[in-house]
N, C-alpha and C. Protein backbone atom coordinates (compact mmCIF):
# COMPACT_ATOMS: atom_id res chain seq x y z
N MET A 1 -95.16 -65.78 -20.49
CA MET A 1 -93.90 -65.91 -19.82
C MET A 1 -92.84 -64.98 -20.42
N PRO A 2 -92.74 -64.83 -21.75
CA PRO A 2 -91.73 -63.93 -22.32
C PRO A 2 -91.95 -62.47 -21.88
N GLN A 3 -93.22 -62.11 -21.64
CA GLN A 3 -93.48 -60.74 -21.21
C GLN A 3 -92.87 -60.48 -19.83
N ILE A 4 -92.93 -61.48 -18.95
CA ILE A 4 -92.37 -61.33 -17.61
C ILE A 4 -90.84 -61.20 -17.69
N LEU A 5 -90.22 -61.99 -18.55
CA LEU A 5 -88.76 -61.91 -18.72
C LEU A 5 -88.37 -60.54 -19.30
N LEU A 6 -89.15 -60.07 -20.26
CA LEU A 6 -88.88 -58.76 -20.85
C LEU A 6 -89.05 -57.66 -19.80
N LEU A 7 -90.08 -57.75 -19.00
CA LEU A 7 -90.32 -56.78 -17.94
C LEU A 7 -89.19 -56.81 -16.91
N ALA A 8 -88.71 -58.00 -16.55
CA ALA A 8 -87.60 -58.12 -15.60
C ALA A 8 -86.33 -57.52 -16.20
N ALA A 9 -86.08 -57.75 -17.47
CA ALA A 9 -84.89 -57.21 -18.13
C ALA A 9 -84.96 -55.68 -18.19
N VAL A 10 -86.13 -55.14 -18.48
CA VAL A 10 -86.30 -53.68 -18.52
C VAL A 10 -86.10 -53.10 -17.12
N GLY A 11 -86.64 -53.75 -16.11
CA GLY A 11 -86.48 -53.29 -14.74
C GLY A 11 -85.00 -53.30 -14.32
N ALA A 12 -84.29 -54.37 -14.67
CA ALA A 12 -82.87 -54.46 -14.34
C ALA A 12 -82.08 -53.37 -15.08
N GLY A 13 -82.45 -53.11 -16.31
CA GLY A 13 -81.79 -52.05 -17.08
C GLY A 13 -82.03 -50.68 -16.47
N LEU A 14 -83.26 -50.44 -16.03
CA LEU A 14 -83.57 -49.15 -15.39
C LEU A 14 -82.79 -48.97 -14.09
N LEU A 15 -82.66 -50.03 -13.31
CA LEU A 15 -81.88 -49.95 -12.08
C LEU A 15 -80.41 -49.65 -12.38
N LEU A 16 -79.88 -50.26 -13.42
CA LEU A 16 -78.49 -50.02 -13.81
C LEU A 16 -78.30 -48.57 -14.26
N VAL A 17 -79.23 -48.08 -15.06
CA VAL A 17 -79.14 -46.69 -15.52
C VAL A 17 -79.25 -45.73 -14.34
N ARG A 18 -80.13 -46.02 -13.42
CA ARG A 18 -80.29 -45.17 -12.23
C ARG A 18 -79.00 -45.13 -11.42
N ARG A 19 -78.37 -46.27 -11.24
CA ARG A 19 -77.11 -46.34 -10.50
C ARG A 19 -76.01 -45.54 -11.21
N LEU A 20 -75.93 -45.66 -12.52
CA LEU A 20 -74.92 -44.91 -13.28
C LEU A 20 -75.17 -43.40 -13.20
N LEU A 21 -76.42 -43.00 -13.29
CA LEU A 21 -76.75 -41.58 -13.19
C LEU A 21 -76.42 -41.02 -11.82
N ARG A 22 -76.72 -41.76 -10.78
CA ARG A 22 -76.41 -41.31 -9.42
C ARG A 22 -74.90 -41.17 -9.23
N ARG A 23 -74.14 -42.12 -9.75
CA ARG A 23 -72.68 -42.05 -9.66
C ARG A 23 -72.15 -40.81 -10.39
N GLU A 24 -72.71 -40.53 -11.55
CA GLU A 24 -72.30 -39.34 -12.31
C GLU A 24 -72.68 -38.06 -11.57
N GLN A 25 -73.87 -38.04 -10.97
CA GLN A 25 -74.28 -36.87 -10.19
C GLN A 25 -73.34 -36.63 -9.02
N ASN A 26 -72.94 -37.68 -8.34
CA ASN A 26 -72.01 -37.54 -7.22
C ASN A 26 -70.65 -37.03 -7.69
N ARG A 27 -70.20 -37.52 -8.84
CA ARG A 27 -68.92 -37.07 -9.38
C ARG A 27 -68.97 -35.59 -9.74
N VAL A 28 -70.04 -35.17 -10.38
CA VAL A 28 -70.19 -33.76 -10.76
C VAL A 28 -70.30 -32.89 -9.52
N ALA A 29 -71.02 -33.34 -8.51
CA ALA A 29 -71.15 -32.57 -7.27
C ALA A 29 -69.79 -32.43 -6.59
N ALA A 30 -68.99 -33.48 -6.60
CA ALA A 30 -67.66 -33.41 -5.99
C ALA A 30 -66.78 -32.44 -6.77
N ASP A 31 -66.85 -32.46 -8.10
CA ASP A 31 -66.08 -31.52 -8.91
C ASP A 31 -66.52 -30.08 -8.63
N LEU A 32 -67.81 -29.88 -8.47
CA LEU A 32 -68.33 -28.55 -8.19
C LEU A 32 -67.84 -28.05 -6.83
N ARG A 33 -67.88 -28.91 -5.82
CA ARG A 33 -67.36 -28.53 -4.50
C ARG A 33 -65.88 -28.18 -4.57
N GLU A 34 -65.13 -28.96 -5.31
CA GLU A 34 -63.70 -28.70 -5.47
C GLU A 34 -63.46 -27.36 -6.15
N ALA A 35 -64.24 -27.05 -7.18
CA ALA A 35 -64.10 -25.77 -7.87
C ALA A 35 -64.49 -24.61 -6.96
N GLU A 36 -65.54 -24.77 -6.18
CA GLU A 36 -65.94 -23.71 -5.25
C GLU A 36 -64.87 -23.47 -4.19
N ASP A 37 -64.25 -24.53 -3.70
CA ASP A 37 -63.17 -24.39 -2.73
C ASP A 37 -61.98 -23.67 -3.34
N ALA A 38 -61.65 -24.01 -4.59
CA ALA A 38 -60.54 -23.35 -5.27
C ALA A 38 -60.82 -21.86 -5.46
N MET A 39 -62.07 -21.52 -5.81
CA MET A 39 -62.42 -20.11 -5.99
C MET A 39 -62.35 -19.37 -4.66
N ALA A 40 -62.77 -20.01 -3.58
CA ALA A 40 -62.69 -19.38 -2.26
C ALA A 40 -61.24 -19.13 -1.87
N ARG A 41 -60.37 -20.12 -2.14
CA ARG A 41 -58.94 -19.92 -1.84
C ARG A 41 -58.37 -18.79 -2.68
N ARG A 42 -58.77 -18.71 -3.96
CA ARG A 42 -58.26 -17.66 -4.83
C ARG A 42 -58.72 -16.29 -4.34
N ASN A 43 -59.96 -16.19 -3.88
CA ASN A 43 -60.46 -14.92 -3.37
C ASN A 43 -59.71 -14.50 -2.11
N MET A 44 -59.38 -15.46 -1.25
CA MET A 44 -58.60 -15.14 -0.05
C MET A 44 -57.21 -14.64 -0.43
N GLU A 45 -56.61 -15.25 -1.44
CA GLU A 45 -55.29 -14.81 -1.88
C GLU A 45 -55.37 -13.40 -2.45
N ARG A 46 -56.43 -13.09 -3.15
CA ARG A 46 -56.59 -11.74 -3.70
C ARG A 46 -56.69 -10.71 -2.60
N ARG A 47 -57.40 -11.05 -1.52
CA ARG A 47 -57.50 -10.11 -0.40
C ARG A 47 -56.13 -9.85 0.20
N ASN A 48 -55.30 -10.88 0.26
CA ASN A 48 -53.96 -10.71 0.80
C ASN A 48 -53.11 -9.84 -0.13
N ILE A 49 -53.33 -9.96 -1.43
CA ILE A 49 -52.59 -9.14 -2.38
C ILE A 49 -52.99 -7.68 -2.24
N ASP A 50 -54.27 -7.42 -1.98
CA ASP A 50 -54.73 -6.05 -1.82
C ASP A 50 -54.09 -5.38 -0.62
N ARG A 51 -53.74 -6.16 0.40
CA ARG A 51 -53.12 -5.60 1.59
C ARG A 51 -51.60 -5.57 1.49
N ALA A 52 -51.04 -6.01 0.39
CA ALA A 52 -49.59 -6.05 0.23
C ALA A 52 -49.02 -4.63 0.22
N VAL A 53 -47.83 -4.50 0.75
CA VAL A 53 -47.16 -3.20 0.82
C VAL A 53 -46.39 -3.00 -0.48
N PRO A 54 -46.59 -1.88 -1.14
CA PRO A 54 -45.82 -1.64 -2.37
C PRO A 54 -44.35 -1.38 -2.03
N LEU A 55 -43.49 -1.88 -2.89
CA LEU A 55 -42.05 -1.72 -2.67
C LEU A 55 -41.47 -0.80 -3.74
N GLU A 56 -40.36 -0.16 -3.37
CA GLU A 56 -39.62 0.63 -4.35
C GLU A 56 -38.15 0.32 -4.16
N GLN A 57 -37.43 0.40 -5.25
CA GLN A 57 -36.01 0.06 -5.21
C GLN A 57 -35.19 1.29 -4.86
N ASP A 58 -34.30 1.12 -3.89
CA ASP A 58 -33.36 2.18 -3.52
C ASP A 58 -32.31 2.24 -4.62
N PRO A 59 -32.19 3.38 -5.33
CA PRO A 59 -31.25 3.44 -6.45
C PRO A 59 -29.79 3.29 -6.02
N ALA A 60 -29.47 3.68 -4.81
CA ALA A 60 -28.07 3.61 -4.37
C ALA A 60 -27.65 2.18 -4.06
N THR A 61 -28.51 1.43 -3.39
CA THR A 61 -28.13 0.08 -2.95
C THR A 61 -28.76 -1.02 -3.79
N GLY A 62 -29.86 -0.72 -4.46
CA GLY A 62 -30.55 -1.73 -5.25
C GLY A 62 -31.47 -2.60 -4.41
N VAL A 63 -31.62 -2.26 -3.13
CA VAL A 63 -32.46 -3.03 -2.21
C VAL A 63 -33.89 -2.50 -2.28
N TYR A 64 -34.84 -3.43 -2.26
CA TYR A 64 -36.25 -3.03 -2.26
C TYR A 64 -36.70 -2.78 -0.83
N ARG A 65 -37.37 -1.65 -0.63
CA ARG A 65 -37.89 -1.29 0.69
C ARG A 65 -39.34 -0.85 0.53
N PRO A 66 -40.11 -0.86 1.64
CA PRO A 66 -41.49 -0.39 1.54
C PRO A 66 -41.52 1.04 1.03
N LYS A 67 -42.49 1.31 0.19
CA LYS A 67 -42.61 2.65 -0.40
C LYS A 67 -42.99 3.65 0.67
N GLN A 68 -42.28 4.78 0.68
CA GLN A 68 -42.54 5.83 1.67
C GLN A 68 -43.61 6.78 1.14
N PRO A 69 -44.59 7.12 1.99
CA PRO A 69 -45.61 8.09 1.52
C PRO A 69 -44.96 9.45 1.31
N ARG A 70 -45.40 10.12 0.26
CA ARG A 70 -44.80 11.44 -0.07
C ARG A 70 -45.79 12.52 0.09
């Protein structure tokens, strides 16, 4: 009889560990998805920066205007 109780306790412990591991895997997967989304947003922002128009300051007025090709 003690062997059956020990086996039941080990089985219950394994189920608990499995549940905790699955929860941790889901948490890590969610963090990974969040990081991938952040990197995708950052890459999109970089593309917008590459298309930005360079500005130069007009010395007479101090106003910034798009740089004129020379």
